[in-house]
């Protein structure tokens, strides 16, 4: 017997609002930096500006994903469109990878062909603005992403944080220019490229884990425990959890006594589902199958 019911814990966080407001902050940040790039000719700041602009553009696939995720399920897509969010996460990961490659290439190029930085005070101020804008957006996206269970939004927040590190690298490069240490800029750039690579691996694990239906073993054991403690349940089998967008779906089998009536088995399954939806984080739907115990 199958029993399923949709449910989501209420919250007042609108992921689309988070995406578009952070897009606006990063776009303004990049625009201000672009003005300084025009007057200073700083290649390091140019790289940082490109990073910020690219990070702002990640709002486009995420915004589309959150919009499509609200659409109702259909016969063709019975589980809804939540997985579009995971595909958007892949785009974010690719952009992080491009940022890492760009930072590394630019750093190596500056090692090979050093370039002087002019208007150093303005470049330093622009670097601080870039860091502040990116860090604010990063904290916002990561906090909201973790609250709603969105791996894509968390990955995008980590991307913004790496761009903030890039801004600090520009600040360090500006300081090196004042001291006449031309090698500081490319060296710090390479360090930033490595940091971006570390974030890339972490974000990739989250996003591709969702695409492969990876589940948290701790959460799966908790779901099994909650179901097993339900009155009338003798055992729990085949517990499966997976994410769809920023909500979880569950499937499991509960063993009941052989002489349990159909009506009573249905009641037990409904009770299990109710308990799971209130105990398992971000569980939107549970499909509970009641199976009679074997002889003996």
Protein backbone atom coordinates (compact mmCIF):
# COMPACT_ATOMS: atom_id res chain seq x y z
CA UNK A 1 0.00 0.00 0.00
CA UNK A 2 1.40 3.38 -0.93
CA UNK A 3 0.75 6.59 0.87
CA UNK A 4 2.14 9.96 -0.10
CA UNK A 5 1.48 13.53 0.76
CA UNK A 6 3.17 16.80 -0.12
CA UNK A 7 4.32 19.07 2.63
CA UNK A 8 6.87 21.81 3.17
CA UNK A 9 7.86 23.60 6.32
CA UNK A 10 6.90 27.22 6.01
CA UNK A 11 9.53 29.94 5.90
CA UNK A 12 9.56 33.56 4.91
CA UNK A 13 12.68 33.43 2.76
CA UNK A 14 12.14 34.01 -0.94
CA UNK A 15 15.14 32.57 -2.84
CA UNK A 16 14.27 34.59 -5.94
CA UNK A 17 14.42 37.80 -3.93
CA UNK A 18 17.82 36.77 -2.57
CA UNK A 19 19.14 36.02 -6.06
CA UNK A 20 17.99 39.26 -7.69
CA UNK A 21 19.01 41.57 -4.83
CA UNK A 22 22.47 40.00 -4.73
CA UNK A 23 22.60 40.37 -8.52
CA UNK A 24 21.96 44.10 -8.12
CA UNK A 25 24.65 44.48 -5.43
CA UNK A 26 27.29 42.69 -7.51
CA UNK A 27 26.33 44.57 -10.67
CA UNK A 28 26.78 47.92 -8.92
CA UNK A 29 30.08 46.70 -7.43
CA UNK A 30 31.38 45.64 -10.86
CA UNK A 31 30.27 48.93 -12.42
CA UNK A 32 32.14 50.98 -9.80
CA UNK A 33 35.26 48.88 -10.29
CA UNK A 34 35.01 49.22 -14.08
CA UNK A 35 35.23 52.99 -13.74
CA UNK A 36 38.47 52.67 -11.77
CA UNK A 37 39.81 50.15 -14.30
CA UNK A 38 39.23 52.69 -17.06
CA UNK A 39 41.31 55.37 -15.32
CA UNK A 40 44.00 53.15 -13.74
CA UNK A 41 44.56 50.49 -16.38
CA UNK A 42 44.94 47.90 -13.61
CA UNK A 43 44.85 44.41 -15.07
CA UNK A 44 44.41 42.89 -11.62
CA UNK A 45 41.36 45.04 -10.97
CA UNK A 46 40.09 44.21 -14.45
CA UNK A 47 40.25 40.52 -13.57
CA UNK A 48 38.39 41.18 -10.32
CA UNK A 49 35.75 43.19 -12.18
CA UNK A 50 35.23 40.34 -14.64
CA UNK A 51 34.87 37.92 -11.72
CA UNK A 52 32.23 40.10 -10.10
CA UNK A 53 30.34 40.50 -13.34
CA UNK A 54 30.40 36.73 -13.91
CA UNK A 55 29.19 36.13 -10.37
CA UNK A 56 26.35 38.56 -10.90
CA UNK A 57 25.35 36.68 -14.07
CA UNK A 58 24.93 33.44 -12.10
CA UNK A 59 21.71 35.02 -10.84
CA UNK A 60 20.18 34.38 -14.28
CA UNK A 61 20.21 30.54 -14.24
CA UNK A 62 19.34 30.48 -10.53
CA UNK A 63 16.46 32.91 -11.00
CA UNK A 64 15.10 30.82 -13.86
CA UNK A 65 15.49 27.65 -11.79
CA UNK A 66 13.61 29.08 -8.80
CA UNK A 67 10.86 30.34 -11.13
CA UNK A 68 10.44 26.96 -12.83
CA UNK A 69 10.65 25.18 -9.48
CA UNK A 70 7.35 26.77 -8.47
CA UNK A 71 5.50 25.15 -11.38
CA UNK A 72 3.10 22.35 -10.52
CA UNK A 73 3.95 18.74 -11.32
CA UNK A 74 2.61 17.27 -14.57
CA UNK A 75 2.14 13.79 -16.00
CA UNK A 76 5.43 14.19 -17.87
CA UNK A 77 7.27 15.64 -14.85
CA UNK A 78 5.47 13.98 -11.90
CA UNK A 79 8.07 15.14 -9.38
CA UNK A 80 7.88 18.76 -10.49
CA UNK A 81 10.71 20.94 -11.77
CA UNK A 82 12.90 21.10 -8.67
CA UNK A 83 15.82 19.40 -10.40
CA UNK A 84 16.22 22.44 -12.65
CA UNK A 85 17.82 24.06 -9.63
CA UNK A 86 20.51 21.35 -9.61
CA UNK A 87 21.20 22.01 -13.30
CA UNK A 88 21.59 25.70 -12.45
CA UNK A 89 24.09 24.61 -9.82
CA UNK A 90 26.15 22.95 -12.56
CA UNK A 91 26.27 26.30 -14.39
CA UNK A 92 27.47 27.97 -11.19
CA UNK A 93 30.19 25.34 -10.74
CA UNK A 94 31.34 25.87 -14.34
CA UNK A 95 31.55 29.62 -13.72
CA UNK A 96 33.64 29.00 -10.60
CA UNK A 97 35.94 26.82 -12.68
CA UNK A 98 36.25 29.53 -15.32
CA UNK A 99 37.11 32.05 -12.60
CA UNK A 100 39.89 29.78 -11.32
CA UNK A 101 41.34 29.33 -14.80
CA UNK A 102 41.09 33.04 -15.56
CA UNK A 103 42.84 33.99 -12.30
CA UNK A 104 45.64 31.48 -12.94
CA UNK A 105 46.17 32.55 -16.56
CA UNK A 106 46.23 36.25 -15.69
CA UNK A 107 48.66 35.64 -12.82
CA UNK A 108 51.06 33.66 -15.00
CA UNK A 109 50.83 36.32 -17.71
CA UNK A 110 51.80 39.02 -15.22
CA UNK A 111 54.72 36.92 -14.01
CA UNK A 112 55.95 36.66 -17.58
CA UNK A 113 55.23 40.29 -18.47
CA UNK A 114 55.04 42.60 -15.41
CA UNK A 115 52.74 45.59 -15.76
CA UNK A 116 52.77 48.77 -13.70
CA UNK A 117 49.64 49.81 -11.81
CA UNK A 118 48.68 53.51 -11.79
CA UNK A 119 46.21 55.35 -9.54
CA UNK A 120 47.03 52.86 -6.78
CA UNK A 121 44.87 54.54 -4.05
CA UNK A 122 41.79 54.31 -6.29
CA UNK A 123 42.57 50.67 -7.07
CA UNK A 124 42.88 49.94 -3.34
CA UNK A 125 39.51 51.55 -2.63
CA UNK A 126 37.91 49.62 -5.50
CA UNK A 127 39.38 46.41 -4.10
CA UNK A 128 37.84 47.07 -0.69
CA UNK A 129 34.48 47.84 -2.33
CA UNK A 130 34.74 44.59 -4.28
CA UNK A 131 35.48 42.56 -1.17
CA UNK A 132 32.68 44.18 0.85
CA UNK A 133 30.10 43.66 -1.91
CA UNK A 134 31.08 40.04 -2.51
CA UNK A 135 31.24 39.09 1.15
CA UNK A 136 27.81 40.63 1.83
CA UNK A 137 26.31 38.71 -1.08
CA UNK A 138 28.16 35.51 -0.11
CA UNK A 139 26.82 35.55 3.46
CA UNK A 140 23.31 36.29 2.23
CA UNK A 141 23.28 33.51 -0.39
CA UNK A 142 24.95 30.91 1.82
CA UNK A 143 22.66 31.65 4.78
CA UNK A 144 19.48 31.49 2.69
CA UNK A 145 20.75 28.51 0.67
CA UNK A 146 21.42 26.47 3.80
CA UNK A 147 18.12 27.52 5.33
CA UNK A 148 16.09 26.31 2.35
CA UNK A 149 18.40 23.42 1.47
CA UNK A 150 19.54 24.79 -1.90
CA UNK A 151 22.94 23.40 -2.95
CA UNK A 152 22.94 25.66 -6.00
CA UNK A 153 22.43 28.84 -3.96
CA UNK A 154 25.12 27.79 -1.47
CA UNK A 155 27.52 27.12 -4.36
CA UNK A 156 26.73 30.54 -5.77
CA UNK A 157 27.43 32.11 -2.38
CA UNK A 158 30.78 30.33 -2.23
CA UNK A 159 31.51 31.68 -5.70
CA UNK A 160 30.85 35.22 -4.46
CA UNK A 161 33.17 34.61 -1.52
CA UNK A 162 36.02 33.54 -3.82
CA UNK A 163 35.55 36.75 -5.79
CA UNK A 164 35.88 38.60 -2.48
CA UNK A 165 39.24 36.90 -1.96
CA UNK A 166 40.21 38.03 -5.44
CA UNK A 167 39.43 41.61 -4.40
CA UNK A 168 41.73 41.24 -1.39
CA UNK A 169 44.40 39.99 -3.75
CA UNK A 170 44.01 43.20 -5.74
CA UNK A 171 44.44 45.16 -2.50
CA UNK A 172 47.63 43.23 -1.74
CA UNK A 173 48.83 43.83 -5.28
CA UNK A 174 48.21 47.56 -4.86
CA UNK A 175 50.30 47.53 -1.69
CA UNK A 176 53.06 45.70 -3.49
CA UNK A 177 52.98 48.29 -6.27
CA UNK A 178 53.48 51.08 -3.75
CA UNK A 179 56.55 49.26 -2.41
CA UNK A 180 57.86 48.48 -5.87
CA UNK A 181 57.33 44.72 -5.44
CA UNK A 182 55.89 43.89 -8.85
CA UNK A 183 55.84 40.14 -8.13
CA UNK A 184 53.27 40.45 -5.31
CA UNK A 185 50.35 40.83 -7.71
CA UNK A 186 50.89 37.63 -9.75
CA UNK A 187 51.93 35.60 -6.69
CA UNK A 188 48.79 36.49 -4.75
CA UNK A 189 46.77 35.89 -7.90
CA UNK A 190 48.02 32.31 -8.03
CA UNK A 191 47.12 31.81 -4.37
CA UNK A 192 43.60 33.06 -5.11
CA UNK A 193 43.35 30.66 -8.05
CA UNK A 194 44.17 27.79 -5.67
CA UNK A 195 41.56 29.01 -3.17
CA UNK A 196 38.98 29.17 -5.94
CA UNK A 197 39.92 25.60 -6.88
CA UNK A 198 39.30 24.44 -3.29
CA UNK A 199 35.87 26.08 -3.30
CA UNK A 200 35.23 24.55 -6.73
CA UNK A 201 35.78 21.03 -5.37
CA UNK A 202 33.49 21.63 -2.38
CA UNK A 203 30.72 23.20 -4.46
CA UNK A 204 31.05 20.48 -7.09
CA UNK A 205 30.60 17.75 -4.48
CA UNK A 206 27.37 19.35 -3.29
CA UNK A 207 25.88 20.01 -6.71
CA UNK A 208 26.83 16.73 -8.41
CA UNK A 209 25.90 14.83 -5.26
CA UNK A 210 22.37 16.18 -5.63
CA UNK A 211 22.30 15.19 -9.31
CA UNK A 212 23.29 11.65 -8.33
CA UNK A 213 20.60 11.52 -5.60
CA UNK A 214 23.15 11.43 -2.79
CA UNK A 215 21.55 11.29 0.66
CA UNK A 216 22.94 12.13 4.08
CA UNK A 217 23.35 8.81 5.95
CA UNK A 218 22.66 10.58 9.25
CA UNK A 219 19.32 11.87 7.96
CA UNK A 220 18.45 8.46 6.49
CA UNK A 221 19.13 6.78 9.86
CA UNK A 222 17.02 9.42 11.58
CA UNK A 223 14.13 8.80 9.18
CA UNK A 224 14.39 5.07 9.84
CA UNK A 225 14.42 5.66 13.59
CA UNK A 226 11.42 8.02 13.49
CA UNK A 227 9.42 5.56 11.40
CA UNK A 228 10.42 2.63 13.61
CA UNK A 229 9.21 4.39 16.76
CA UNK A 230 5.72 4.81 15.32
CA UNK A 231 3.14 2.62 17.15
CA UNK A 232 2.19 -0.38 15.02
CA UNK A 233 5.47 -0.48 13.08
CA UNK A 234 7.47 -3.69 13.62
CA UNK A 235 10.38 -2.88 11.32
CA UNK A 236 11.51 -0.38 8.69
CA UNK A 237 12.97 -1.38 5.31
CA UNK A 238 14.25 0.24 2.11
CA UNK A 239 14.55 3.83 3.33
CA UNK A 240 15.36 6.10 0.41
CA UNK A 241 15.82 9.87 0.44
CA UNK A 242 16.66 12.24 -2.38
CA UNK A 243 16.59 15.97 -3.04
CA UNK A 244 14.47 17.70 -5.64
CA UNK A 245 15.40 21.38 -5.74
CA UNK A 246 15.57 22.46 -2.10
CA UNK A 247 13.13 19.87 -0.76
CA UNK A 248 13.57 16.19 0.11
CA UNK A 249 11.46 13.23 -1.04
CA UNK A 250 11.27 9.97 0.93
CA UNK A 251 10.27 6.41 0.13
CA UNK A 252 10.25 3.58 2.67
CA UNK A 253 8.56 0.34 3.67
CA UNK A 254 7.19 -0.33 7.15
CA UNK A 255 6.41 -3.83 8.41
CA UNK A 256 3.12 -4.29 10.29
CA UNK A 257 1.49 -7.30 11.93
CA UNK A 258 -0.03 -9.83 9.51
CA UNK A 259 -3.49 -9.53 11.03
CA UNK A 260 -3.53 -5.74 10.62
CA UNK A 261 -6.57 -4.58 8.64
CA UNK A 262 -6.22 -2.49 5.50
CA UNK A 263 -7.73 0.50 7.27
CA UNK A 264 -5.37 0.15 10.23
CA UNK A 265 -2.33 -0.30 7.96
CA UNK A 266 -3.33 2.86 6.13
CA UNK A 267 -3.60 4.72 9.44
CA UNK A 268 -0.15 3.52 10.50
CA UNK A 269 1.38 4.59 7.18
CA UNK A 270 -0.24 8.00 7.51
CA UNK A 271 1.09 8.31 11.06
CA UNK A 272 4.61 7.44 9.85
CA UNK A 273 4.37 10.03 7.11
CA UNK A 274 3.14 12.70 9.51
CA UNK A 275 6.00 12.05 11.91
CA UNK A 276 8.60 12.09 9.12
CA UNK A 277 7.36 15.37 7.68
CA UNK A 278 7.80 17.03 11.06
CA UNK A 279 11.10 15.40 12.05
CA UNK A 280 13.12 15.23 8.82
CA UNK A 281 14.61 18.51 7.57
CA UNK A 282 13.02 19.93 4.41
CA UNK A 283 10.95 16.80 3.73
CA UNK A 284 8.25 17.74 1.23
CA UNK A 285 6.75 14.36 0.43
CA UNK A 286 6.86 10.84 1.87
CA UNK A 287 5.68 7.62 0.22
CA UNK A 288 5.12 4.95 2.88
CA UNK A 289 4.41 1.34 1.91
CA UNK A 290 2.96 -0.94 4.61
CA UNK A 291 4.03 -4.57 4.30
CA UNK A 292 2.68 -7.49 6.38
CA UNK A 293 5.17 -9.35 8.55
CA UNK A 294 6.25 -12.80 7.37
CA UNK A 295 5.20 -15.95 9.25
CA UNK A 296 7.08 -16.48 12.47
